[in-house]
């Protein structure tokens, strides 16, 4: 298996083919995945490129981080491994709204 790179600040119209072509200028690309919004199918502006090996990945980071693609300056770095506990995002806790104790009800009567 190759080495995965995180590519941030992608233009929303950039295709996986364009991204692959851009990285192939440096070294062999194994796969490309641009992350899209599940609801709309629109690019979320980042993706992952898998390079053939560690040295190819290092070359890509060195030569392409800060370079321009589609009018945007790319952020290229080694991807962090997926966490085992990574669920569908936004889990845990009680959420931002709701909950909280009941407020003080109406007026208090005095005798």
N, C-alpha and C. Protein backbone atom coordinates (compact mmCIF):
# COMPACT_ATOMS: atom_id res chain seq x y z
N UNK A 1 0.84 -1.18 0.00
CA UNK A 1 0.00 0.00 0.00
C UNK A 1 0.88 1.25 0.00
N UNK A 2 0.41 2.28 -0.70
CA UNK A 2 1.18 3.51 -0.79
C UNK A 2 1.00 4.41 0.41
N UNK A 3 1.42 5.65 0.25
CA UNK A 3 1.33 6.64 1.31
C UNK A 3 0.27 7.67 0.93
N UNK A 4 -0.68 7.90 1.83
CA UNK A 4 -1.77 8.84 1.56
C UNK A 4 -1.39 10.26 1.95
N UNK A 5 -1.74 11.18 1.08
CA UNK A 5 -1.52 12.60 1.33
C UNK A 5 -2.86 13.31 1.44
N UNK A 6 -2.92 14.27 2.34
CA UNK A 6 -4.08 15.15 2.46
C UNK A 6 -3.83 16.34 1.55
N UNK A 7 -4.83 16.73 0.78
CA UNK A 7 -4.71 17.90 -0.09
C UNK A 7 -5.87 18.84 0.25
N UNK A 8 -5.53 19.99 0.82
CA UNK A 8 -6.55 20.94 1.23
C UNK A 8 -6.57 22.18 0.37
N UNK A 9 -7.65 22.94 0.48
CA UNK A 9 -7.87 24.19 -0.24
C UNK A 9 -8.05 23.98 -1.74
N UNK A 10 -8.69 22.86 -2.10
CA UNK A 10 -8.98 22.60 -3.51
C UNK A 10 -10.11 23.50 -3.99
N UNK A 11 -10.01 23.92 -5.24
CA UNK A 11 -11.12 24.62 -5.86
C UNK A 11 -12.27 23.62 -5.98
N UNK A 12 -13.50 24.08 -5.75
CA UNK A 12 -14.65 23.16 -5.74
C UNK A 12 -14.90 22.51 -7.10
N UNK A 13 -14.36 23.09 -8.17
CA UNK A 13 -14.58 22.51 -9.50
C UNK A 13 -13.47 21.55 -9.92
N UNK A 14 -12.42 21.41 -9.11
CA UNK A 14 -11.32 20.51 -9.45
C UNK A 14 -11.82 19.07 -9.48
N UNK A 15 -11.45 18.34 -10.54
CA UNK A 15 -11.86 16.93 -10.66
C UNK A 15 -10.75 16.02 -10.16
N UNK A 16 -11.11 14.76 -9.91
CA UNK A 16 -10.11 13.78 -9.48
C UNK A 16 -9.07 13.58 -10.57
N UNK A 17 -9.50 13.61 -11.84
CA UNK A 17 -8.56 13.44 -12.96
C UNK A 17 -7.54 14.58 -12.99
N UNK A 18 -8.01 15.81 -12.78
CA UNK A 18 -7.10 16.97 -12.77
C UNK A 18 -6.11 16.88 -11.62
N UNK A 19 -6.61 16.45 -10.46
CA UNK A 19 -5.73 16.33 -9.29
C UNK A 19 -4.68 15.25 -9.52
N UNK A 20 -5.10 14.13 -10.10
CA UNK A 20 -4.17 13.03 -10.39
C UNK A 20 -3.09 13.51 -11.36
N UNK A 21 -3.50 14.21 -12.40
CA UNK A 21 -2.56 14.73 -13.39
C UNK A 21 -1.55 15.68 -12.75
N UNK A 22 -2.03 16.53 -11.86
CA UNK A 22 -1.18 17.50 -11.17
C UNK A 22 -0.11 16.78 -10.34
N UNK A 23 -0.50 15.73 -9.61
CA UNK A 23 0.44 15.00 -8.76
C UNK A 23 1.36 14.08 -9.57
N UNK A 24 0.90 13.61 -10.73
CA UNK A 24 1.72 12.72 -11.55
C UNK A 24 2.91 13.45 -12.16
N UNK A 25 2.91 14.78 -12.13
CA UNK A 25 4.09 15.54 -12.58
C UNK A 25 5.29 15.22 -11.71
N UNK A 26 5.01 14.81 -10.46
CA UNK A 26 6.07 14.58 -9.48
C UNK A 26 6.43 13.11 -9.36
N UNK A 27 5.42 12.24 -9.22
CA UNK A 27 5.68 10.81 -9.02
C UNK A 27 4.41 10.01 -9.29
N UNK A 28 4.54 8.71 -9.21
CA UNK A 28 3.42 7.81 -9.51
C UNK A 28 2.28 7.94 -8.49
N UNK A 29 1.07 8.11 -9.03
CA UNK A 29 -0.13 8.22 -8.19
C UNK A 29 -0.87 6.89 -8.23
N UNK A 30 -1.26 6.38 -7.05
CA UNK A 30 -2.00 5.13 -6.96
C UNK A 30 -3.50 5.39 -7.05
N UNK A 31 -3.99 6.37 -6.29
CA UNK A 31 -5.41 6.69 -6.31
C UNK A 31 -5.65 8.13 -5.86
N UNK A 32 -6.82 8.65 -6.23
CA UNK A 32 -7.21 10.01 -5.87
C UNK A 32 -8.66 9.97 -5.40
N UNK A 33 -8.94 10.71 -4.33
CA UNK A 33 -10.31 10.79 -3.82
C UNK A 33 -10.58 12.21 -3.34
N UNK A 34 -11.50 12.89 -4.02
CA UNK A 34 -11.93 14.22 -3.56
C UNK A 34 -13.18 14.00 -2.71
N UNK A 35 -13.17 14.53 -1.50
CA UNK A 35 -14.27 14.32 -0.57
C UNK A 35 -15.44 15.23 -0.95
N UNK A 36 -16.64 14.63 -1.02
CA UNK A 36 -17.82 15.38 -1.40
C UNK A 36 -18.86 15.36 -0.28
N UNK A 37 -19.72 16.34 -0.29
CA UNK A 37 -20.82 16.43 0.67
C UNK A 37 -21.83 15.34 0.32
N UNK A 38 -22.24 14.55 1.30
CA UNK A 38 -23.16 13.44 1.03
C UNK A 38 -24.51 13.93 0.53
N UNK A 39 -24.98 15.03 1.05
CA UNK A 39 -26.31 15.52 0.68
C UNK A 39 -26.33 16.15 -0.72
N UNK A 40 -25.32 16.95 -1.04
CA UNK A 40 -25.35 17.70 -2.30
C UNK A 40 -24.45 17.11 -3.39
N UNK A 41 -23.48 16.29 -3.00
CA UNK A 41 -22.54 15.74 -3.98
C UNK A 41 -21.46 16.74 -4.38
N UNK A 42 -21.48 17.93 -3.78
CA UNK A 42 -20.51 18.98 -4.11
C UNK A 42 -19.20 18.74 -3.36
N UNK A 43 -18.10 19.09 -4.00
CA UNK A 43 -16.78 18.96 -3.37
C UNK A 43 -16.74 19.74 -2.07
N UNK A 44 -16.05 19.18 -1.08
CA UNK A 44 -15.88 19.89 0.19
C UNK A 44 -14.56 20.65 0.22
N UNK A 45 -13.82 20.65 -0.89
CA UNK A 45 -12.61 21.46 -0.98
C UNK A 45 -11.35 20.78 -0.47
N UNK A 46 -11.42 19.46 -0.23
CA UNK A 46 -10.21 18.73 0.14
C UNK A 46 -10.33 17.30 -0.36
N UNK A 47 -9.19 16.62 -0.35
CA UNK A 47 -9.19 15.24 -0.81
C UNK A 47 -7.93 14.53 -0.39
N UNK A 48 -7.76 13.33 -0.94
CA UNK A 48 -6.61 12.51 -0.61
C UNK A 48 -6.00 11.95 -1.88
N UNK A 49 -4.69 11.94 -1.92
CA UNK A 49 -3.96 11.35 -3.04
C UNK A 49 -3.04 10.29 -2.46
N UNK A 50 -3.14 9.08 -3.00
CA UNK A 50 -2.25 8.01 -2.54
C UNK A 50 -1.09 7.90 -3.51
N UNK A 51 0.12 8.07 -2.98
CA UNK A 51 1.32 7.99 -3.79
C UNK A 51 1.90 6.57 -3.68
N UNK A 52 2.72 6.18 -4.66
CA UNK A 52 3.23 4.81 -4.72
C UNK A 52 4.01 4.40 -3.49
N UNK A 53 4.83 5.30 -2.94
CA UNK A 53 5.62 4.95 -1.76
C UNK A 53 5.97 6.22 -0.97
N UNK A 54 6.67 6.03 0.13
CA UNK A 54 6.99 7.16 1.02
C UNK A 54 7.84 8.22 0.33
N UNK A 55 8.81 7.79 -0.48
CA UNK A 55 9.68 8.79 -1.12
C UNK A 55 8.89 9.60 -2.14
N UNK A 56 7.96 8.97 -2.84
CA UNK A 56 7.10 9.69 -3.79
C UNK A 56 6.23 10.69 -3.04
N UNK A 57 5.73 10.29 -1.88
CA UNK A 57 4.89 11.17 -1.06
C UNK A 57 5.70 12.37 -0.58
N UNK A 58 6.93 12.11 -0.12
CA UNK A 58 7.79 13.21 0.35
C UNK A 58 8.09 14.20 -0.77
N UNK A 59 8.35 13.66 -1.97
CA UNK A 59 8.61 14.51 -3.14
C UNK A 59 7.40 15.39 -3.44
N UNK A 60 6.22 14.78 -3.39
CA UNK A 60 4.99 15.52 -3.69
C UNK A 60 4.76 16.64 -2.68
N UNK A 61 4.98 16.34 -1.40
CA UNK A 61 4.80 17.36 -0.36
C UNK A 61 5.77 18.52 -0.61
N UNK A 62 7.04 18.15 -0.85
CA UNK A 62 8.09 19.15 -1.06
C UNK A 62 7.81 20.04 -2.26
N UNK A 63 7.37 19.42 -3.36
CA UNK A 63 7.23 20.17 -4.62
C UNK A 63 5.86 20.80 -4.84
N UNK A 64 4.81 20.26 -4.20
CA UNK A 64 3.46 20.74 -4.51
C UNK A 64 2.78 21.52 -3.39
N UNK A 65 3.27 21.40 -2.16
CA UNK A 65 2.67 22.17 -1.08
C UNK A 65 2.89 23.66 -1.35
N UNK A 66 1.82 24.45 -1.34
CA UNK A 66 1.93 25.87 -1.62
C UNK A 66 1.81 26.22 -3.09
N UNK A 67 1.73 25.21 -3.95
CA UNK A 67 1.59 25.46 -5.39
C UNK A 67 0.13 25.77 -5.71
N UNK A 68 -0.08 26.36 -6.88
CA UNK A 68 -1.40 26.81 -7.31
C UNK A 68 -2.05 25.78 -8.23
N UNK A 69 -3.31 25.45 -7.96
CA UNK A 69 -4.10 24.60 -8.84
C UNK A 69 -5.51 25.19 -8.89
N UNK A 70 -5.96 25.54 -10.08
CA UNK A 70 -7.30 26.10 -10.23
C UNK A 70 -7.49 27.42 -9.49
N UNK A 71 -6.41 28.20 -9.37
CA UNK A 71 -6.50 29.49 -8.71
C UNK A 71 -6.43 29.44 -7.19
N UNK A 72 -6.17 28.27 -6.63
CA UNK A 72 -6.09 28.13 -5.17
C UNK A 72 -4.72 27.59 -4.78
N UNK A 73 -4.21 28.04 -3.63
CA UNK A 73 -2.93 27.57 -3.11
C UNK A 73 -3.17 26.30 -2.31
N UNK A 74 -2.57 25.20 -2.75
CA UNK A 74 -2.82 23.91 -2.11
C UNK A 74 -2.05 23.72 -0.81
N UNK A 75 -2.68 23.01 0.11
CA UNK A 75 -2.02 22.54 1.34
C UNK A 75 -1.83 21.04 1.17
N UNK A 76 -0.60 20.60 1.09
CA UNK A 76 -0.32 19.18 0.90
C UNK A 76 0.48 18.67 2.09
N UNK A 77 -0.01 17.62 2.74
CA UNK A 77 0.70 17.04 3.88
C UNK A 77 0.35 15.56 3.97
N UNK A 78 1.11 14.85 4.78
CA UNK A 78 0.82 13.43 4.96
C UNK A 78 -0.49 13.29 5.72
N UNK A 79 -1.35 12.42 5.21
CA UNK A 79 -2.66 12.23 5.84
C UNK A 79 -2.50 11.51 7.17
N UNK A 80 -3.29 11.93 8.15
CA UNK A 80 -3.30 11.22 9.43
C UNK A 80 -4.12 9.96 9.27
N UNK A 81 -3.73 8.88 9.94
CA UNK A 81 -4.52 7.65 9.81
C UNK A 81 -5.91 7.84 10.40
N UNK A 82 -6.87 7.10 9.83
CA UNK A 82 -8.23 7.16 10.36
C UNK A 82 -8.23 6.65 11.78
N UNK A 83 -8.98 7.32 12.63
CA UNK A 83 -9.10 6.85 14.01
C UNK A 83 -10.10 5.71 14.05
N UNK A 84 -9.82 4.73 14.91
CA UNK A 84 -10.73 3.59 15.02
C UNK A 84 -12.09 4.00 15.53
N UNK A 85 -12.13 5.01 16.38
CA UNK A 85 -13.40 5.41 16.97
C UNK A 85 -14.13 6.47 16.15
N UNK A 86 -13.64 6.74 14.96
CA UNK A 86 -14.27 7.78 14.16
C UNK A 86 -15.60 7.28 13.63
N UNK A 87 -16.65 7.80 14.19
CA UNK A 87 -17.99 7.44 13.73
C UNK A 87 -18.38 8.37 12.61
N UNK A 88 -19.62 8.68 12.52
CA UNK A 88 -20.10 9.55 11.47
C UNK A 88 -19.96 11.01 11.83
N UNK A 89 -18.94 11.38 12.54
CA UNK A 89 -18.73 12.77 12.91
C UNK A 89 -19.79 13.24 13.89
N UNK A 90 -19.64 14.40 14.40
CA UNK A 90 -20.60 15.06 15.27
C UNK A 90 -21.32 14.17 16.27
N UNK A 91 -20.74 13.17 16.77
CA UNK A 91 -21.40 12.32 17.76
C UNK A 91 -21.13 12.84 19.15
N UNK A 92 -21.50 12.06 20.11
CA UNK A 92 -21.17 12.36 21.50
C UNK A 92 -21.90 13.54 22.07
N UNK A 93 -21.83 13.67 23.35
CA UNK A 93 -22.46 14.79 24.03
C UNK A 93 -23.97 14.76 23.87
N UNK A 94 -24.59 15.85 24.27
CA UNK A 94 -26.04 15.92 24.16
C UNK A 94 -26.47 16.87 23.06
N UNK A 95 -25.56 17.27 22.21
CA UNK A 95 -25.91 18.19 21.15
C UNK A 95 -25.87 19.63 21.66
N UNK A 96 -26.01 20.55 20.77
CA UNK A 96 -25.88 21.94 21.14
C UNK A 96 -27.15 22.56 21.71
N UNK A 97 -28.28 22.06 21.32
CA UNK A 97 -29.54 22.68 21.73
C UNK A 97 -30.35 21.70 22.55
N UNK A 98 -31.45 22.15 23.07
CA UNK A 98 -32.33 21.27 23.82
C UNK A 98 -31.72 20.93 25.16
N UNK A 99 -32.34 20.05 25.86
CA UNK A 99 -31.82 19.67 27.17
C UNK A 99 -31.92 20.85 28.11
N UNK A 100 -30.99 21.00 28.96
CA UNK A 100 -30.98 22.11 29.90
C UNK A 100 -32.21 22.06 30.80
N UNK A 101 -32.07 22.39 32.02
CA UNK A 101 -33.19 22.29 32.97
C UNK A 101 -34.35 23.18 32.57
N UNK A 102 -35.48 22.98 33.19
CA UNK A 102 -36.65 23.81 32.92
C UNK A 102 -36.41 25.19 33.51
N UNK A 103 -36.90 26.20 32.86
CA UNK A 103 -36.75 27.55 33.38
C UNK A 103 -37.67 27.75 34.57
N UNK A 104 -37.53 28.87 35.23
CA UNK A 104 -38.44 29.15 36.34
C UNK A 104 -39.83 29.39 35.75
N UNK A 105 -40.81 28.68 36.14
CA UNK A 105 -42.14 28.83 35.55
C UNK A 105 -42.80 30.12 36.01
N UNK A 106 -43.69 30.63 35.28
CA UNK A 106 -44.53 31.80 35.53
C UNK A 106 -44.21 32.63 36.78
N UNK A 107 -45.15 33.38 37.22
CA UNK A 107 -44.96 34.26 38.37
C UNK A 107 -45.11 33.52 39.67
N UNK A 108 -44.32 33.89 40.62
CA UNK A 108 -44.44 33.27 41.93
C UNK A 108 -45.46 34.05 42.75
N UNK A 109 -46.35 33.35 43.35
CA UNK A 109 -47.37 34.05 44.14
C UNK A 109 -46.86 34.32 45.53
N UNK A 110 -47.15 35.49 46.02
CA UNK A 110 -46.76 35.83 47.40
C UNK A 110 -48.00 35.90 48.26
N UNK A 111 -47.90 35.48 49.49
CA UNK A 111 -49.04 35.50 50.40
C UNK A 111 -48.84 36.50 51.47
